[in-house]
Amino acid sequence: MDGFIERMRKHAEHVKKVAAHCTTEETTKQALILPLLDILGFSPFDPTKVKAEYGADFPGAKNSERVDYALFCHGVPVMFIEAKGHYEKLTNHCPQLSRYFNATPEVTIAAITNGQEWRFFTDLNNKNLMDTTPFLTVDFGNMDTAFLQRLRRFRHDEFQPEALRTLAEETVYLNAFTEVISGSLRDPDIEFVRYVAGRANIQRQFNAKFLEGITPLVKQAVERSVSNMVVSGLSAKAPATAADALTAESLPAPIAPVDPTADIVDADNPRIVTTYVERRLFEVVKEILGEEAEVSAKDTESYYTILYQGKVNRWLLRYLADKRQPCIFVCVPLTEQHKHEITRAGLQMGANNSILLSQPEHLARITGIVFDALHYCQDDGNFKRTKTE
């Protein structure tokens, strides 16, 4: 079992066991909050990663305001945490947390917690202004295992501000879609009824009277469909309906689950093997540049490359999956400013101006260089053919 997931589950059990004994804010910090930070790789014993009572002065706010915890990556504050006692409600403290967040543009995530419930905020609506509603709420007293993979994104070694912003957007959309779908299933409106009837190829005029008449039938159909999905999910003993009259022998063989981390072998050239790390690298590039950047990926026997507009001569970077020291090459010459950015990001230079990259997520630490490579490829002047004498 995944070590991180197992540690998170044990932490949830720990919270249920000791939360009732956390009668003060300080006890809550020591027993519930700091252990979670340690699981996320932000050791409370390392002042380069966690600073308590961090100064977050903001013009116009109270003097000498301090946030309970500031989490750091590579010397830069990336997340603020406001801690409250286990028995305190969190709602009334959000304005205080927003002042801390708004005072520090480098910080992209803020959280308020009483040790059991964690509410995470970012700035989706207005840049550098904390949203009034959390994009993610996690309750360790009633843990939904679906949230565990999302919490992985908050780990110190995987912390990527833009990727977390994308996660925040996806979570907001998911919650909104779920609410709409749940509402439609519980109480179908006319538009939903019209959609179902249209997809069912009902040969009638969809006037208001007809739609109103079939609404109870659509509601029954929804209830039956949901019931069938629940039953089929819990048991695979029989076909969905008796009318199908399919025997077990006539049913198709179950499809083996696909491992998303498995290598992909080129059907035309088995020596070209695209690894999960390479595919993840392309995802990170798209997270940095955005979908509108017109980048694509191409694998070869020698290296994995990211292209602009699919043009092989306009490559942004090339990835070499050396087992000991995987690295990338970028299309732009590395200036002293670039090298300073690489060092500040905690990365190292390799041979021939390569950049050592032990994990694809570490590319997000040098976004400036990635953007410089894109701008270089977008400039047609860099690819004009020179006339030979």
Protein backbone atom coordinates (compact mmCIF):
# COMPACT_ATOMS: atom_id res chain seq x y z
CA MET A 1 0.00 0.00 0.00
CA ASP A 2 1.13 3.53 -0.76
CA GLY A 3 3.10 4.79 2.24
CA PHE A 4 1.62 8.30 2.11
CA ILE A 5 -1.97 7.04 1.95
CA GLU A 6 -1.36 4.68 4.84
CA ARG A 7 0.15 7.45 6.98
CA MET A 8 -2.83 9.70 6.24
CA ARG A 9 -5.27 6.99 7.25
CA LYS A 10 -3.41 6.40 10.49
CA HIS A 11 -3.47 10.15 11.14
CA ALA A 12 -7.27 10.14 10.68
CA GLU A 13 -7.50 7.34 13.25
CA HIS A 14 -5.22 9.32 15.56
CA VAL A 15 -7.45 12.41 15.27
CA LYS A 16 -10.55 10.41 16.17
CA LYS A 17 -8.75 8.92 19.16
CA VAL A 18 -7.21 12.01 20.78
CA ALA A 19 -9.20 15.01 19.51
CA ALA A 20 -11.49 15.02 22.52
CA HIS A 21 -8.45 15.55 24.77
CA CYS A 22 -7.30 18.68 22.89
CA THR A 23 -8.91 21.29 25.12
CA THR A 24 -6.53 24.15 24.29
CA GLU A 25 -5.15 25.65 21.10
CA GLU A 26 -1.59 24.67 22.00
CA THR A 27 -2.57 21.04 22.60
CA THR A 28 -4.41 21.03 19.27
CA LYS A 29 -1.28 22.26 17.51
CA GLN A 30 0.99 19.67 19.10
CA ALA A 31 -1.33 16.67 18.86
CA LEU A 32 -3.25 17.25 15.63
CA ILE A 33 -1.76 19.94 13.39
CA LEU A 34 2.00 19.45 13.52
CA PRO A 35 1.78 15.67 12.92
CA LEU A 36 -0.07 16.33 9.63
CA LEU A 37 2.55 18.88 8.53
CA ASP A 38 5.22 16.26 9.17
CA ILE A 39 3.37 13.74 6.96
CA LEU A 40 3.27 16.38 4.21
CA GLY A 41 7.05 16.76 4.43
CA PHE A 42 6.98 20.08 6.29
CA SER A 43 8.89 19.04 9.37
CA PRO A 44 8.00 21.30 12.34
CA PHE A 45 11.59 20.79 13.52
CA ASP A 46 13.03 22.35 10.35
CA PRO A 47 12.81 26.18 10.43
CA THR A 48 13.59 26.33 6.71
CA LYS A 49 10.24 24.60 6.07
CA VAL A 50 8.01 25.66 8.96
CA LYS A 51 8.09 28.98 10.84
CA ALA A 52 5.73 29.56 13.74
CA GLU A 53 4.33 33.01 14.57
CA TYR A 54 5.40 34.34 11.19
CA GLY A 55 5.16 38.11 10.75
CA ALA A 56 2.60 39.12 8.13
CA ASP A 57 2.24 42.85 8.57
CA PHE A 58 -0.18 44.48 6.16
CA PRO A 59 -0.64 48.26 5.74
CA GLY A 60 -3.95 49.30 7.24
CA ALA A 61 -4.35 46.12 9.30
CA LYS A 62 -3.44 45.54 12.90
CA ASN A 63 0.18 46.13 13.74
CA SER A 64 2.50 43.16 14.09
CA GLU A 65 0.01 40.58 12.87
CA ARG A 66 1.41 37.07 12.93
CA VAL A 67 0.17 33.90 11.32
CA ASP A 68 0.45 30.70 13.35
CA TYR A 69 2.47 28.79 10.73
CA ALA A 70 4.12 29.72 7.45
CA LEU A 71 5.26 26.85 5.22
CA PHE A 72 8.31 27.40 3.02
CA CYS A 73 9.66 25.87 -0.18
CA HIS A 74 13.14 26.93 -1.31
CA GLY A 75 13.19 29.91 1.02
CA VAL A 76 9.83 31.31 -0.15
CA PRO A 77 6.61 31.23 1.90
CA VAL A 78 4.02 29.22 -0.02
CA MET A 79 1.25 28.52 2.49
CA PHE A 80 -0.17 30.13 5.65
CA ILE A 81 -1.99 28.19 8.37
CA GLU A 82 -4.20 29.71 11.04
CA ALA A 83 -4.61 27.28 13.94
CA LYS A 84 -7.56 27.18 16.33
CA GLY A 85 -8.48 25.02 19.27
CA HIS A 86 -10.23 21.75 18.46
CA TYR A 87 -13.56 22.92 19.88
CA GLU A 88 -13.54 26.26 18.02
CA LYS A 89 -15.64 26.89 14.94
CA LEU A 90 -13.67 28.07 11.94
CA THR A 91 -16.08 30.36 10.10
CA ASN A 92 -15.51 33.53 12.12
CA HIS A 93 -11.72 33.43 11.68
CA CYS A 94 -11.59 33.62 7.86
CA PRO A 95 -11.27 37.46 7.70
CA GLN A 96 -8.18 37.24 9.88
CA LEU A 97 -6.64 34.59 7.64
CA SER A 98 -7.41 36.65 4.51
CA ARG A 99 -5.43 39.58 5.91
CA TYR A 100 -2.37 37.35 6.25
CA PHE A 101 -2.86 35.93 2.75
CA ASN A 102 -3.39 39.31 1.07
CA ALA A 103 -0.29 40.71 2.74
CA THR A 104 2.06 38.22 1.08
CA PRO A 105 1.76 37.80 -2.73
CA GLU A 106 4.14 34.83 -2.76
CA VAL A 107 1.67 32.75 -0.76
CA THR A 108 -0.84 30.92 -2.97
CA ILE A 109 -2.59 28.71 -0.40
CA ALA A 110 -4.04 29.49 3.02
CA ALA A 111 -5.64 27.10 5.49
CA ILE A 112 -7.54 27.38 8.71
CA THR A 113 -7.90 24.35 10.95
CA ASN A 114 -8.95 23.13 14.34
CA GLY A 115 -6.89 19.98 13.85
CA GLN A 116 -9.82 17.87 12.71
CA GLU A 117 -11.28 20.05 9.96
CA TRP A 118 -9.03 21.76 7.43
CA ARG A 119 -10.29 24.45 5.06
CA PHE A 120 -8.02 25.40 2.16
CA PHE A 121 -8.30 28.70 0.30
CA THR A 122 -6.66 30.32 -2.72
CA ASP A 123 -7.31 33.34 -4.98
CA LEU A 124 -9.38 32.10 -7.92
CA ASN A 125 -11.70 35.13 -8.09
CA ASN A 126 -9.15 37.95 -7.65
CA LYS A 127 -5.39 37.54 -7.83
CA ASN A 128 -3.71 37.91 -4.41
CA LEU A 129 -7.09 38.29 -2.66
CA MET A 130 -8.16 35.22 -0.75
CA ASP A 131 -11.48 33.74 -1.81
CA THR A 132 -14.28 33.87 0.76
CA THR A 133 -15.08 30.16 0.38
CA PRO A 134 -12.62 27.26 0.62
CA PHE A 135 -11.90 25.21 -2.49
CA LEU A 136 -11.25 22.12 -0.38
CA THR A 137 -12.50 21.03 3.05
CA VAL A 138 -11.11 17.91 4.70
CA ASP A 139 -12.57 16.44 7.88
CA PHE A 140 -10.29 13.85 9.50
CA GLY A 141 -13.09 12.88 11.83
CA ASN A 142 -15.15 11.72 8.85
CA MET A 143 -12.50 11.06 6.22
CA ASP A 144 -13.48 10.72 2.57
CA THR A 145 -10.70 8.62 1.04
CA ALA A 146 -11.19 10.46 -2.27
CA PHE A 147 -9.47 13.47 -0.70
CA LEU A 148 -6.27 11.60 0.16
CA GLN A 149 -4.86 11.81 -3.37
CA ARG A 150 -5.60 15.55 -3.43
CA LEU A 151 -3.74 16.06 -0.16
CA ARG A 152 -0.71 14.46 -1.79
CA ARG A 153 -0.43 17.61 -3.92
CA PHE A 154 0.32 19.60 -0.73
CA ARG A 155 3.49 17.63 0.01
CA HIS A 156 6.70 19.63 0.26
CA ASP A 157 8.40 17.71 -2.54
CA GLU A 158 5.40 18.11 -4.87
CA PHE A 159 4.21 21.59 -3.91
CA GLN A 160 3.45 23.49 -7.12
CA PRO A 161 1.47 26.72 -6.71
CA GLU A 162 -0.02 26.74 -10.21
CA ALA A 163 -0.86 23.04 -10.07
CA LEU A 164 -2.66 23.63 -6.77
CA ARG A 165 -4.57 26.50 -8.34
CA THR A 166 -5.64 24.09 -11.09
CA LEU A 167 -6.65 21.59 -8.41
CA ALA A 168 -8.69 24.34 -6.74
CA GLU A 169 -10.50 25.14 -10.00
CA GLU A 170 -11.19 21.47 -10.69
CA THR A 171 -12.53 20.98 -7.16
CA VAL A 172 -14.85 24.00 -7.48
CA TYR A 173 -16.14 22.72 -10.83
CA LEU A 174 -16.56 19.18 -9.48
CA ASN A 175 -18.57 20.41 -6.51
CA ALA A 176 -20.74 22.60 -8.75
CA PHE A 177 -21.35 19.79 -11.26
CA THR A 178 -22.18 17.34 -8.47
CA GLU A 179 -24.68 19.77 -6.98
CA VAL A 180 -26.39 20.33 -10.34
CA ILE A 181 -26.51 16.61 -11.18
CA SER A 182 -27.76 15.68 -7.69
CA GLY A 183 -30.46 18.35 -7.91
CA SER A 184 -31.55 17.15 -11.35
CA LEU A 185 -31.74 13.55 -10.18
CA ARG A 186 -33.68 14.39 -7.03
CA ASP A 187 -36.11 16.79 -8.69
CA PRO A 188 -35.85 16.79 -12.52
CA ASP A 189 -36.65 20.14 -14.10
CA ILE A 190 -38.25 20.63 -17.52
CA GLU A 191 -34.91 21.04 -19.31
CA PHE A 192 -33.65 17.77 -17.88
CA VAL A 193 -36.89 16.01 -18.84
CA ARG A 194 -36.60 17.45 -22.36
CA TYR A 195 -33.00 16.19 -22.61
CA VAL A 196 -33.95 12.65 -21.51
CA ALA A 197 -36.92 12.50 -23.85
CA GLY A 198 -34.81 13.79 -26.74
CA ARG A 199 -32.04 11.26 -26.15
CA ALA A 200 -34.67 8.50 -25.93
CA ASN A 201 -35.96 9.43 -29.43
CA ILE A 202 -39.54 9.93 -28.24
CA GLN A 203 -41.57 10.75 -31.36
CA ARG A 204 -43.75 13.48 -29.87
CA GLN A 205 -43.91 17.24 -29.88
CA PHE A 206 -42.18 18.43 -26.73
CA ASN A 207 -44.72 21.01 -25.65
CA ALA A 208 -45.15 22.09 -22.03
CA LYS A 209 -48.14 19.80 -21.40
CA PHE A 210 -46.33 16.71 -22.69
CA LEU A 211 -43.14 17.44 -20.73
CA GLU A 212 -45.13 18.03 -17.56
CA GLY A 213 -46.93 14.73 -18.07
CA ILE A 214 -43.78 12.64 -18.45
CA THR A 215 -41.84 14.31 -15.62
CA PRO A 216 -43.01 11.69 -13.04
CA LEU A 217 -41.92 8.93 -15.45
CA VAL A 218 -38.47 10.50 -15.88
CA LYS A 219 -38.16 10.74 -12.11
CA GLN A 220 -39.03 7.03 -11.79
CA ALA A 221 -36.53 6.21 -14.53
CA VAL A 222 -33.83 8.14 -12.65
CA GLU A 223 -34.58 6.25 -9.45
CA ARG A 224 -34.51 2.93 -11.31
CA SER A 225 -31.23 3.79 -13.08
CA VAL A 226 -29.51 4.82 -9.87
CA SER A 227 -30.77 1.67 -8.16
CA ASN A 228 -29.49 -0.52 -11.02
CA MET A 229 -26.07 1.16 -10.91
CA VAL A 230 -25.81 0.61 -7.16
CA VAL A 231 -26.82 -3.04 -7.47
CA SER A 232 -24.48 -3.74 -10.39
CA GLY A 233 -21.68 -2.06 -8.50
CA LEU A 234 -22.20 -4.27 -5.45
CA SER A 235 -22.90 -7.53 -7.24
CA ALA A 236 -22.07 -9.09 -10.60
CA LYS A 237 -24.17 -12.25 -10.18
CA ALA A 238 -26.73 -11.60 -12.92
CA PRO A 239 -27.35 -9.51 -16.05
CA ALA A 240 -28.97 -6.10 -15.64
CA THR A 241 -32.37 -7.34 -16.84
CA ALA A 242 -33.90 -10.77 -17.31
CA ALA A 243 -34.86 -9.87 -20.87
CA ASP A 244 -31.24 -9.86 -21.90
CA ALA A 245 -31.13 -13.67 -21.46
CA LEU A 246 -27.34 -13.73 -21.54
CA THR A 247 -25.48 -16.64 -20.01
CA ALA A 248 -22.28 -16.18 -18.09
CA GLU A 249 -20.40 -17.84 -20.94
CA SER A 250 -21.72 -15.35 -23.49
CA LEU A 251 -20.67 -12.30 -21.51
CA PRO A 252 -17.44 -10.63 -22.62
CA ALA A 253 -14.38 -11.29 -20.54
CA PRO A 254 -13.70 -8.58 -17.96
CA ILE A 255 -11.24 -5.96 -19.07
CA ALA A 256 -8.10 -5.87 -16.97
CA PRO A 257 -7.57 -2.54 -15.22
CA VAL A 258 -5.17 -0.21 -16.99
CA ASP A 259 -2.14 0.89 -15.02
CA PRO A 260 -1.80 4.64 -15.66
CA THR A 261 1.89 4.49 -14.71
CA ALA A 262 2.78 1.68 -17.14
CA ASP A 263 5.20 2.26 -20.01
CA ILE A 264 3.72 2.77 -23.49
CA VAL A 265 5.56 0.96 -26.27
CA ASP A 266 5.36 2.40 -29.79
CA ALA A 267 3.52 -0.09 -31.99
CA ASP A 268 5.72 0.77 -34.98
CA ASN A 269 9.03 0.92 -33.14
CA PRO A 270 9.29 -1.14 -29.92
CA ARG A 271 12.55 0.63 -29.07
CA ILE A 272 10.55 3.81 -28.38
CA VAL A 273 9.13 3.44 -24.88
CA THR A 274 7.30 6.39 -23.32
CA THR A 275 7.44 6.23 -19.53
CA TYR A 276 5.03 7.63 -17.00
CA VAL A 277 7.70 10.13 -15.90
CA GLU A 278 7.92 11.46 -19.46
CA ARG A 279 4.15 11.77 -19.76
CA ARG A 280 4.04 13.50 -16.39
CA LEU A 281 6.72 15.92 -17.55
CA PHE A 282 4.49 16.95 -20.46
CA GLU A 283 1.58 17.47 -18.06
CA VAL A 284 3.75 19.75 -15.91
CA VAL A 285 4.75 21.77 -18.99
CA LYS A 286 1.09 22.25 -19.89
CA GLU A 287 0.28 23.21 -16.29
CA ILE A 288 2.97 25.89 -16.48
CA LEU A 289 2.25 27.27 -19.97
CA GLY A 290 -1.50 26.65 -20.21
CA GLU A 291 -3.44 24.76 -22.86
CA GLU A 292 -3.24 27.69 -25.30
CA ALA A 293 0.55 27.37 -25.59
CA GLU A 294 0.29 24.93 -28.56
CA VAL A 295 2.85 22.47 -27.24
CA SER A 296 2.98 18.76 -27.93
CA ALA A 297 5.22 15.85 -27.02
CA LYS A 298 7.24 13.49 -29.19
CA ASP A 299 9.25 10.48 -28.06
CA THR A 300 12.28 9.08 -29.84
CA GLU A 301 14.76 6.32 -29.15
CA SER A 302 17.20 8.85 -27.69
CA TYR A 303 15.12 11.44 -25.85
CA TYR A 304 11.66 12.76 -25.08
CA THR A 305 10.98 16.23 -26.46
CA ILE A 306 8.39 18.99 -26.06
CA LEU A 307 7.60 20.76 -29.35
CA TYR A 308 5.97 24.05 -30.27
CA GLN A 309 3.16 23.60 -32.84
CA GLY A 310 4.43 20.07 -33.50
CA LYS A 311 7.50 21.38 -35.35
CA VAL A 312 10.56 19.24 -34.70
CA ASN A 313 12.93 22.18 -35.17
CA ARG A 314 11.07 24.25 -32.57
CA TRP A 315 11.64 22.19 -29.47
CA LEU A 316 11.37 23.76 -26.03
CA LEU A 317 13.14 21.09 -24.05
CA ARG A 318 14.46 17.56 -24.33
CA TYR A 319 14.39 15.04 -21.53
CA LEU A 320 17.00 12.30 -21.14
CA ALA A 321 15.89 9.56 -18.76
CA ASP A 322 19.32 8.60 -17.49
CA LYS A 323 18.81 6.21 -14.57
CA ARG A 324 21.38 7.91 -12.35
CA GLN A 325 20.90 11.54 -13.34
CA PRO A 326 17.83 12.29 -15.49
CA CYS A 327 18.10 15.73 -17.01
CA ILE A 328 16.66 18.22 -19.47
CA PHE A 329 18.14 20.46 -22.14
CA VAL A 330 16.38 23.70 -23.07
CA CYS A 331 16.48 25.42 -26.45
CA VAL A 332 17.74 28.75 -25.09
CA PRO A 333 21.32 29.37 -23.95
CA LEU A 334 21.44 29.42 -20.15
CA THR A 335 22.42 32.89 -18.96
CA GLU A 336 23.79 33.72 -15.54
CA GLN A 337 20.27 34.81 -14.60
CA HIS A 338 18.94 31.40 -15.65
CA LYS A 339 21.63 29.65 -13.65
CA HIS A 340 20.75 31.76 -10.61
CA GLU A 341 17.10 30.72 -11.03
CA ILE A 342 18.16 27.05 -11.20
CA THR A 343 20.26 27.34 -8.04
CA ARG A 344 17.54 29.23 -6.18
CA ALA A 345 15.11 26.46 -7.11
CA GLY A 346 17.34 23.90 -5.41
CA LEU A 347 18.30 22.22 -8.70
CA GLN A 348 21.73 21.49 -10.14
CA MET A 349 23.43 21.91 -13.48
CA GLY A 350 24.68 18.85 -15.30
CA ALA A 351 27.08 18.28 -18.17
CA ASN A 352 26.78 20.37 -21.35
CA ASN A 353 24.46 22.93 -19.74
CA SER A 354 21.84 20.34 -18.85
CA ILE A 355 19.58 20.70 -15.81
CA LEU A 356 19.32 17.69 -13.50
CA LEU A 357 15.68 16.81 -12.87
CA SER A 358 15.05 13.93 -10.47
CA GLN A 359 11.28 14.45 -10.60
CA PRO A 360 9.16 15.96 -13.40
CA GLU A 361 7.33 18.13 -10.85
CA HIS A 362 10.58 19.96 -10.13
CA LEU A 363 10.25 21.65 -13.52
CA ALA A 364 7.63 23.90 -11.92
CA ARG A 365 10.44 25.46 -9.85
CA ILE A 366 11.97 27.05 -12.98
CA THR A 367 8.91 28.34 -14.78
CA GLY A 368 10.80 31.41 -16.01
CA ILE A 369 13.14 29.24 -18.08
CA VAL A 370 10.21 27.25 -19.50
CA PHE A 371 8.51 30.48 -20.60
CA ASP A 372 11.77 31.76 -22.11
CA ALA A 373 12.00 28.55 -24.16
CA LEU A 374 8.42 28.99 -25.38
CA HIS A 375 9.02 32.62 -26.36
CA TYR A 376 12.15 31.59 -28.24
CA CYS A 377 10.18 29.02 -30.24
CA GLN A 378 7.38 31.50 -30.94
CA ASP A 379 9.80 34.00 -32.50
CA ASP A 380 9.96 33.26 -36.24
CA GLY A 381 13.13 35.34 -36.44
CA ASN A 382 15.02 32.60 -34.61
CA PHE A 383 14.25 30.14 -37.40
CA LYS A 384 14.87 32.13 -40.57
CA ARG A 385 17.24 30.47 -42.96
CA THR A 386 20.41 32.43 -43.57
CA LYS A 387 21.51 32.89 -47.18
CA THR A 388 24.73 31.15 -48.02
CA GLU A 389 27.32 33.03 -50.02
